[in-house]
Amino acid sequence: MADWSDLVYDVLEHITSFLSLPDHHRFSAVCKNWRFVAKQKRHSPATQLPWLVLGEDPETRKRKFYSLSEEKHYSIDIPELCGRYIGGSSHGWLFAIDIKITGILINPFTREFHELPQFPPFSHNVDVTTLIEEVPSDYTDGPRNYTFKEMQRFIVFKGILSHDPKVRSDFTAMILFGQMNTPAIWRPGDTTWTVIKGPGKAMKDVTYLNGNFYVMSAMNILYVVDLGLDPKMIAIEARIRPCICAHRYVVSFKGFLLLIVRFQNVIERGHYNTKDFMLLEIDLERKELHRWDDIDGCAIFLGVNSPIAIDASQFAGCKGNAFYFTDLAAPYSAKFGCCDLGVFDYVTKTITTYYPPEIFHPLVAPPVWLTPNPW
């Protein structure tokens, strides 16, 4: 009988192309030959469902992740993420923000990162230095968590990328920052963020489609961002009706620009309960909205991340025509933990859970969906 450790490298390399990220690491631990093949990284791990990025363990400082495919938690030692909250996810990279109002753009599995400049002044009324110094001495979770809980509403609401930095070095990062979620851009080599001129209204979401960033305002006005010498937002009048007590996502999906509206009930301050979703296509040529009855069998993962759309039929247990949603940013999320996340079936209009409801995670910032991008 042949020894499995003696399998030829070509066969072993072929096997790695079918393995998920966790299985790839288990493969590398079998023996010296298998570890050598795994380190060659000839094949990326097989496509898998997004992971949920949670907070850090208060004792070990390791970052906690939840694998949806395995229904399993992982605690991973990523020193670069210690003491930082996550303000966005895009192409497998995280926007990690620290107490000094600076941050990094990092791939948590390769630990490649880009240093980001200090964020623009984010509030006319908040003195950052004072806010950091005036942490109550009896705050049980420690100054760092208190500061983040208070400040995360004012720094970076969401960050996205135009392209994967590993694929294109000339990518553009955009954030929505400050009390008004003002857009700003940064490119590798820039020493500062460029704030985008706009109407002075609060923004709700941003996405990237066909070479353009699109931003949705709280007043239900869609803007395209002109990234010329003098960057500015240009309104697109698409006759979007107001949606009270709702959060809006603008989503790039198979070449279409979608508006996904999430309706919530307010249980108490900082505690919300999602009850319904509405899906609309934004026709940029006719400047009209068209309602969709399904999502072509796909699942769309929504949160403080670039929306992730996958073909649900390719993954056992994944629900098609559904929205997988996480908590929204809320100042009192540390009290309620992961309290408003689930799977909304857009056809049956029912909500089920994908995360163990008995597990409580006090939150500094909402959980974030991440597509593992290990090399």
Protein backbone atom coordinates (compact mmCIF):
# COMPACT_ATOMS: atom_id res chain seq x y z
CA MET A 1 0.00 0.00 0.00
CA ALA A 2 1.42 3.39 -1.02
CA ASP A 3 2.32 5.93 1.63
CA TRP A 4 0.09 9.02 1.32
CA SER A 5 3.05 11.21 2.22
CA ASP A 6 4.82 10.02 -0.92
CA LEU A 7 2.17 11.17 -3.40
CA VAL A 8 3.74 13.07 -6.28
CA TYR A 9 3.64 16.85 -6.07
CA ASP A 10 1.42 17.27 -9.14
CA VAL A 11 -1.29 15.17 -7.51
CA LEU A 12 -0.97 17.00 -4.20
CA GLU A 13 -1.16 20.38 -5.93
CA HIS A 14 -4.32 19.28 -7.73
CA ILE A 15 -5.87 18.23 -4.42
CA THR A 16 -5.23 21.68 -2.91
CA SER A 17 -7.38 23.31 -5.59
CA PHE A 18 -10.46 21.67 -4.01
CA LEU A 19 -9.73 22.69 -0.42
CA SER A 20 -11.26 25.53 1.57
CA LEU A 21 -8.97 27.86 3.50
CA PRO A 22 -9.22 25.91 6.82
CA ASP A 23 -8.74 22.58 5.01
CA HIS A 24 -5.73 24.01 3.21
CA HIS A 25 -4.10 24.71 6.57
CA ARG A 26 -5.01 21.23 7.82
CA PHE A 27 -3.51 19.79 4.63
CA SER A 28 -0.22 21.59 5.32
CA ALA A 29 -0.03 20.07 8.81
CA VAL A 30 -0.14 16.43 7.61
CA CYS A 31 3.57 15.97 6.86
CA LYS A 32 6.69 17.67 5.52
CA ASN A 33 5.93 16.94 1.84
CA TRP A 34 2.36 18.18 2.07
CA ARG A 35 3.49 21.31 3.90
CA PHE A 36 6.01 22.00 1.12
CA VAL A 37 3.28 21.73 -1.53
CA ALA A 38 0.92 23.94 0.46
CA LYS A 39 3.56 26.66 0.79
CA GLN A 40 4.01 26.80 -2.98
CA LYS A 41 0.51 28.30 -3.22
CA ARG A 42 0.02 27.12 -6.79
CA HIS A 43 -3.76 27.02 -6.30
CA SER A 44 -5.89 29.41 -4.29
CA PRO A 45 -8.28 27.72 -1.85
CA ALA A 46 -11.63 26.77 -3.31
CA THR A 47 -14.30 29.48 -3.41
CA GLN A 48 -16.18 29.57 -0.14
CA LEU A 49 -18.90 31.48 1.65
CA PRO A 50 -17.93 34.78 3.29
CA TRP A 51 -16.60 34.82 6.83
CA LEU A 52 -17.94 37.09 9.52
CA VAL A 53 -15.32 39.31 11.18
CA LEU A 54 -16.11 39.83 14.87
CA GLY A 55 -14.26 41.61 17.67
CA GLU A 56 -11.09 40.59 19.43
CA ASP A 57 -10.80 38.29 22.41
CA PRO A 58 -10.22 40.56 25.45
CA GLU A 59 -7.71 38.14 26.98
CA THR A 60 -5.69 36.84 24.02
CA ARG A 61 -6.26 39.89 21.75
CA LYS A 62 -6.79 37.46 18.88
CA ARG A 63 -9.35 38.45 16.24
CA LYS A 64 -12.47 36.32 16.11
CA PHE A 65 -13.96 35.08 12.83
CA TYR A 66 -17.02 32.99 12.07
CA SER A 67 -16.96 30.56 9.12
CA LEU A 68 -20.47 30.33 7.71
CA SER A 69 -19.70 27.12 5.78
CA GLU A 70 -18.44 25.30 8.84
CA GLU A 71 -20.62 27.10 11.41
CA LYS A 72 -17.44 27.47 13.44
CA HIS A 73 -15.49 30.23 15.19
CA TYR A 74 -11.79 30.84 14.67
CA SER A 75 -9.50 33.00 16.80
CA ILE A 76 -6.53 34.18 14.74
CA ASP A 77 -3.49 36.06 15.99
CA ILE A 78 -3.25 39.17 13.79
CA PRO A 79 -1.24 41.76 15.76
CA GLU A 80 -1.96 44.46 13.16
CA LEU A 81 -5.66 44.32 14.11
CA CYS A 82 -5.17 44.62 17.87
CA GLY A 83 -6.96 47.65 19.26
CA ARG A 84 -8.58 48.51 15.93
CA TYR A 85 -12.20 48.40 14.84
CA ILE A 86 -13.20 47.39 11.32
CA GLY A 87 -14.71 50.16 9.22
CA GLY A 88 -15.24 48.24 6.00
CA SER A 89 -14.35 45.21 3.92
CA SER A 90 -13.70 44.97 0.18
CA HIS A 91 -12.08 42.34 -2.06
CA GLY A 92 -10.88 40.45 1.03
CA TRP A 93 -9.23 43.52 2.61
CA LEU A 94 -10.24 45.27 5.84
CA PHE A 95 -10.25 48.95 6.78
CA ALA A 96 -8.88 48.81 10.34
CA ILE A 97 -9.07 52.06 12.33
CA ASP A 98 -7.19 52.88 15.53
CA ILE A 99 -7.49 55.36 18.37
CA LYS A 100 -5.10 57.82 16.70
CA ILE A 101 -7.63 58.42 13.90
CA THR A 102 -5.40 56.60 11.43
CA GLY A 103 -5.76 53.17 9.97
CA ILE A 104 -4.51 50.47 7.68
CA LEU A 105 -5.90 48.58 4.74
CA ILE A 106 -5.02 44.95 5.46
CA ASN A 107 -5.51 41.47 4.07
CA PRO A 108 -5.89 39.55 7.35
CA PHE A 109 -4.79 36.21 5.91
CA THR A 110 -1.61 37.35 4.13
CA ARG A 111 -1.04 40.30 6.53
CA GLU A 112 -0.15 42.53 3.58
CA PHE A 113 -1.19 46.07 4.37
CA HIS A 114 -1.15 49.70 3.26
CA GLU A 115 -0.75 52.50 5.80
CA LEU A 116 -3.57 55.02 5.46
CA PRO A 117 -3.12 58.74 6.17
CA GLN A 118 -4.82 60.35 9.13
CA PHE A 119 -8.50 60.70 8.37
CA PRO A 120 -9.90 64.15 7.58
CA PRO A 121 -11.39 66.28 10.40
CA PHE A 122 -14.55 64.35 11.09
CA SER A 123 -16.65 66.61 13.28
CA HIS A 124 -17.22 70.29 13.84
CA ASN A 125 -18.25 69.63 17.42
CA VAL A 126 -16.02 66.81 18.69
CA ASP A 127 -12.48 67.37 19.95
CA VAL A 128 -10.78 64.01 19.45
CA THR A 129 -8.08 64.65 22.07
CA THR A 130 -10.66 65.61 24.66
CA LEU A 131 -12.80 62.60 23.81
CA ILE A 132 -9.86 60.24 24.32
CA GLU A 133 -8.84 61.85 27.61
CA GLU A 134 -12.33 62.03 29.11
CA VAL A 135 -12.85 58.28 29.41
CA PRO A 136 -14.51 57.45 32.74
CA SER A 137 -12.00 55.82 35.08
CA ASP A 138 -14.58 53.26 36.20
CA TYR A 139 -15.51 52.14 32.69
CA THR A 140 -15.23 48.34 33.01
CA ASP A 141 -14.41 47.56 29.38
CA GLY A 142 -11.34 49.81 29.45
CA PRO A 143 -10.59 53.17 27.79
CA ARG A 144 -9.86 51.70 24.39
CA ASN A 145 -13.29 50.09 23.97
CA TYR A 146 -15.12 53.07 25.43
CA THR A 147 -13.34 55.43 23.07
CA PHE A 148 -14.14 53.28 20.06
CA LYS A 149 -17.77 52.98 21.08
CA GLU A 150 -18.09 56.73 21.25
CA MET A 151 -15.92 57.55 18.24
CA GLN A 152 -16.84 54.88 15.70
CA ARG A 153 -19.94 56.86 14.71
CA PHE A 154 -17.76 59.82 13.73
CA ILE A 155 -14.70 58.35 12.02
CA VAL A 156 -15.28 55.82 9.23
CA PHE A 157 -18.77 54.50 8.61
CA LYS A 158 -17.77 52.43 5.59
CA GLY A 159 -14.77 51.90 3.31
CA ILE A 160 -14.66 50.18 -0.09
CA LEU A 161 -12.13 49.63 -2.89
CA SER A 162 -12.37 50.03 -6.64
CA HIS A 163 -10.20 46.93 -7.21
CA ASP A 164 -8.29 44.23 -5.37
CA PRO A 165 -4.89 45.80 -4.45
CA LYS A 166 -3.21 42.47 -5.25
CA VAL A 167 -4.58 42.62 -8.80
CA ARG A 168 -4.24 46.35 -9.54
CA SER A 169 -1.76 48.63 -7.82
CA ASP A 170 -3.63 51.73 -9.06
CA PHE A 171 -6.72 51.03 -6.97
CA THR A 172 -8.78 53.74 -5.27
CA ALA A 173 -10.11 53.56 -1.72
CA MET A 174 -13.23 55.49 -0.75
CA ILE A 175 -14.56 56.06 2.74
CA LEU A 176 -17.71 57.60 4.16
CA PHE A 177 -16.52 59.45 7.26
CA GLY A 178 -17.65 61.84 9.94
CA GLN A 179 -21.07 62.77 11.25
CA MET A 180 -22.36 63.30 7.68
CA ASN A 181 -20.69 60.20 6.18
CA THR A 182 -18.82 62.49 3.79
CA PRO A 183 -17.01 60.69 0.90
CA ALA A 184 -13.22 60.90 0.62
CA ILE A 185 -10.75 59.04 -1.59
CA TRP A 186 -7.17 57.83 -1.26
CA ARG A 187 -4.78 56.23 -3.74
CA PRO A 188 -1.40 54.58 -3.05
CA GLY A 189 1.19 57.35 -2.87
CA ASP A 190 -1.23 60.00 -1.59
CA THR A 191 -0.23 61.62 1.70
CA THR A 192 -3.74 62.83 2.54
CA TRP A 193 -7.35 61.94 1.88
CA THR A 194 -9.18 63.96 -0.78
CA VAL A 195 -12.60 65.01 0.47
CA ILE A 196 -15.27 64.93 -2.25
CA LYS A 197 -17.27 68.10 -2.71
CA GLY A 198 -20.96 67.49 -2.27
CA PRO A 199 -24.31 68.92 -1.20
CA GLY A 200 -23.56 68.90 2.51
CA LYS A 201 -26.12 66.15 3.12
CA ALA A 202 -25.54 62.90 5.00
CA MET A 203 -24.66 59.88 2.86
CA LYS A 204 -25.95 56.34 3.52
CA ASP A 205 -23.96 53.98 1.30
CA VAL A 206 -21.43 53.69 -1.53
CA THR A 207 -20.61 51.13 -4.22
CA TYR A 208 -18.36 50.79 -7.28
CA LEU A 209 -19.63 49.83 -10.74
CA ASN A 210 -18.07 50.04 -14.21
CA GLY A 211 -15.38 52.56 -13.28
CA ASN A 212 -17.53 54.80 -11.10
CA PHE A 213 -18.32 55.22 -7.42
CA TYR A 214 -22.01 55.75 -6.64
CA VAL A 215 -23.19 57.28 -3.37
CA MET A 216 -26.71 57.29 -1.92
CA SER A 217 -27.74 60.14 0.37
CA ALA A 218 -30.07 60.07 3.35
CA MET A 219 -32.41 62.21 1.22
CA ASN A 220 -32.69 59.37 -1.31
CA ILE A 221 -30.61 61.12 -3.97
CA LEU A 222 -28.11 59.07 -5.94
CA TYR A 223 -24.75 60.64 -6.86
CA VAL A 224 -22.00 59.57 -9.21
CA VAL A 225 -18.52 60.65 -8.13
CA ASP A 226 -16.46 62.58 -10.65
CA LEU A 227 -12.83 61.67 -9.86
CA GLY A 228 -11.30 64.39 -12.03
CA LEU A 229 -8.84 67.08 -10.96
CA ASP A 230 -11.50 68.61 -8.75
CA PRO A 231 -13.47 65.57 -7.43
CA LYS A 232 -17.16 66.19 -6.83
CA MET A 233 -20.51 64.43 -6.62
CA ILE A 234 -23.04 64.80 -9.42
CA ALA A 235 -26.70 64.10 -8.66
CA ILE A 236 -28.58 61.51 -10.71
CA GLU A 237 -32.30 62.20 -10.51
CA ALA A 238 -33.81 58.73 -10.37
CA ARG A 239 -37.06 59.60 -8.57
CA ILE A 240 -36.32 57.52 -5.50
CA ARG A 241 -39.13 57.78 -2.99
CA PRO A 242 -38.35 58.45 0.70
CA CYS A 243 -38.09 55.38 2.93
CA ILE A 244 -38.77 56.16 6.58
CA CYS A 245 -37.06 54.01 9.24
CA ALA A 246 -35.04 52.24 6.58
CA HIS A 247 -31.43 51.72 5.68
CA ARG A 248 -30.38 51.87 2.03
CA TYR A 249 -27.68 49.85 0.28
CA VAL A 250 -26.45 50.59 -3.24
CA VAL A 251 -25.21 47.33 -4.73
CA SER A 252 -23.28 46.38 -7.85
CA PHE A 253 -24.78 43.11 -9.08
CA LYS A 254 -23.96 41.44 -12.42
CA GLY A 255 -23.53 44.81 -14.14
CA PHE A 256 -26.71 46.26 -12.63
CA LEU A 257 -26.94 48.97 -9.99
CA LEU A 258 -29.41 47.93 -7.30
CA LEU A 259 -31.02 49.74 -4.41
CA ILE A 260 -31.77 47.45 -1.47
CA VAL A 261 -33.93 48.97 1.25
CA ARG A 262 -33.88 47.40 4.72
CA PHE A 263 -36.82 48.20 7.00
CA GLN A 264 -36.41 48.00 10.77
CA ASN A 265 -38.47 48.26 13.92
CA VAL A 266 -36.97 50.28 16.76
CA ILE A 267 -37.21 48.22 19.94
CA GLU A 268 -35.32 50.71 22.09
CA ARG A 269 -32.49 53.15 21.56
CA GLY A 270 -29.63 51.25 19.93
CA HIS A 271 -31.71 48.08 19.56
CA TYR A 272 -33.33 47.35 16.20
CA ASN A 273 -35.14 44.49 14.54
CA THR A 274 -35.14 44.01 10.75
CA LYS A 275 -38.59 43.20 9.38
CA ASP A 276 -38.48 43.50 5.57
CA PHE A 277 -36.43 44.25 2.45
CA MET A 278 -37.23 45.84 -0.90
CA LEU A 279 -35.15 45.31 -4.05
CA LEU A 280 -35.04 47.84 -6.89
CA GLU A 281 -32.92 48.25 -10.01
CA ILE A 282 -31.69 51.77 -10.70
CA ASP A 283 -31.90 52.31 -14.45
CA LEU A 284 -29.14 54.87 -15.02
CA GLU A 285 -30.12 55.54 -18.65
CA ARG A 286 -33.82 56.15 -18.11
CA LYS A 287 -33.33 57.33 -14.52
CA GLU A 288 -36.09 55.01 -13.36
CA LEU A 289 -36.56 52.35 -10.72
CA HIS A 290 -37.70 48.81 -11.49
CA ARG A 291 -38.73 46.38 -8.79
CA TRP A 292 -37.21 42.89 -8.84
CA ASP A 293 -39.08 39.84 -7.57
CA ASP A 294 -35.99 37.68 -7.05
CA ILE A 295 -32.18 37.81 -7.15
CA ASP A 296 -31.56 35.16 -9.81
CA GLY A 297 -30.99 32.46 -7.19
CA CYS A 298 -28.15 34.38 -5.56
CA ALA A 299 -27.42 35.30 -1.97
CA ILE A 300 -26.26 38.86 -1.24
CA PHE A 301 -24.26 39.54 1.93
CA LEU A 302 -24.96 43.01 3.31
CA GLY A 303 -23.26 45.02 6.00
CA VAL A 304 -20.38 47.44 6.47
CA ASN A 305 -18.68 45.83 3.48
CA SER A 306 -18.77 45.86 -0.28
CA PRO A 307 -21.85 43.69 -0.91
CA ILE A 308 -20.93 40.12 -1.80
CA ALA A 309 -23.14 38.22 -4.26
CA ILE A 310 -22.73 34.47 -4.75
CA ASP A 311 -24.54 31.69 -6.58
CA ALA A 312 -26.23 29.93 -3.68
CA SER A 313 -26.60 26.67 -5.64
CA GLN A 314 -22.83 26.18 -5.43
CA PHE A 315 -22.83 25.93 -1.64
CA ALA A 316 -24.68 23.41 0.48
CA GLY A 317 -26.90 25.08 3.03
CA CYS A 318 -26.76 28.51 1.42
CA LYS A 319 -30.15 30.05 0.79
CA GLY A 320 -30.81 31.54 -2.65
CA ASN A 321 -32.84 34.69 -3.36
CA ALA A 322 -31.87 35.86 0.11
CA PHE A 323 -30.10 38.67 1.95
CA TYR A 324 -27.62 37.73 4.67
CA PHE A 325 -27.48 40.83 6.85
CA THR A 326 -25.52 41.94 9.93
CA ASP A 327 -26.05 44.58 12.58
CA LEU A 328 -25.91 48.22 11.56
CA ALA A 329 -23.59 50.65 13.33
CA ALA A 330 -25.23 51.65 16.61
CA PRO A 331 -23.80 53.54 19.59
CA TYR A 332 -25.25 51.07 22.07
CA SER A 333 -24.27 47.85 20.29
CA ALA A 334 -21.91 47.00 23.18
CA LYS A 335 -25.04 46.51 25.29
CA PHE A 336 -27.01 44.32 22.89
CA GLY A 337 -24.27 42.48 21.00
CA CYS A 338 -25.14 40.76 17.72
CA CYS A 339 -28.86 41.38 17.99
CA ASP A 340 -30.04 42.10 14.45
CA LEU A 341 -28.58 39.64 11.97
CA GLY A 342 -30.18 36.93 9.92
CA VAL A 343 -31.21 35.63 6.50
CA PHE A 344 -34.14 37.28 4.75
CA ASP A 345 -35.80 35.06 2.13
CA TYR A 346 -36.91 37.57 -0.49
CA VAL A 347 -39.49 35.22 -2.00
CA THR A 348 -41.22 33.96 1.17
CA LYS A 349 -40.54 37.15 3.16
CA THR A 350 -39.31 35.14 6.15
CA ILE A 351 -36.27 35.63 8.36
CA THR A 352 -34.12 32.83 9.79
CA THR A 353 -30.80 32.86 11.61
CA TYR A 354 -27.32 31.93 10.40
CA TYR A 355 -25.52 32.71 13.65
CA PRO A 356 -26.04 30.99 17.03
CA PRO A 357 -28.53 33.30 18.77
CA GLU A 358 -27.37 32.22 22.23
CA ILE A 359 -23.87 33.64 21.64
CA PHE A 360 -23.41 37.21 22.83
CA HIS A 361 -20.63 39.36 21.38
CA PRO A 362 -20.41 42.90 22.76
CA LEU A 363 -19.71 45.08 19.76
CA VAL A 364 -17.55 48.11 19.24
CA ALA A 365 -18.41 48.08 15.55
CA PRO A 366 -20.80 45.83 13.60
CA PRO A 367 -19.70 42.40 12.37
CA VAL A 368 -18.34 42.60 8.82
CA TRP A 369 -18.56 40.11 5.96
CA LEU A 370 -15.20 39.18 4.45
CA THR A 371 -14.34 37.08 1.40
CA PRO A 372 -11.14 35.20 2.31
CA ASN A 373 -8.44 36.26 -0.14
CA PRO A 374 -5.41 34.31 1.13
CA TRP A 375 -3.02 34.80 -1.84
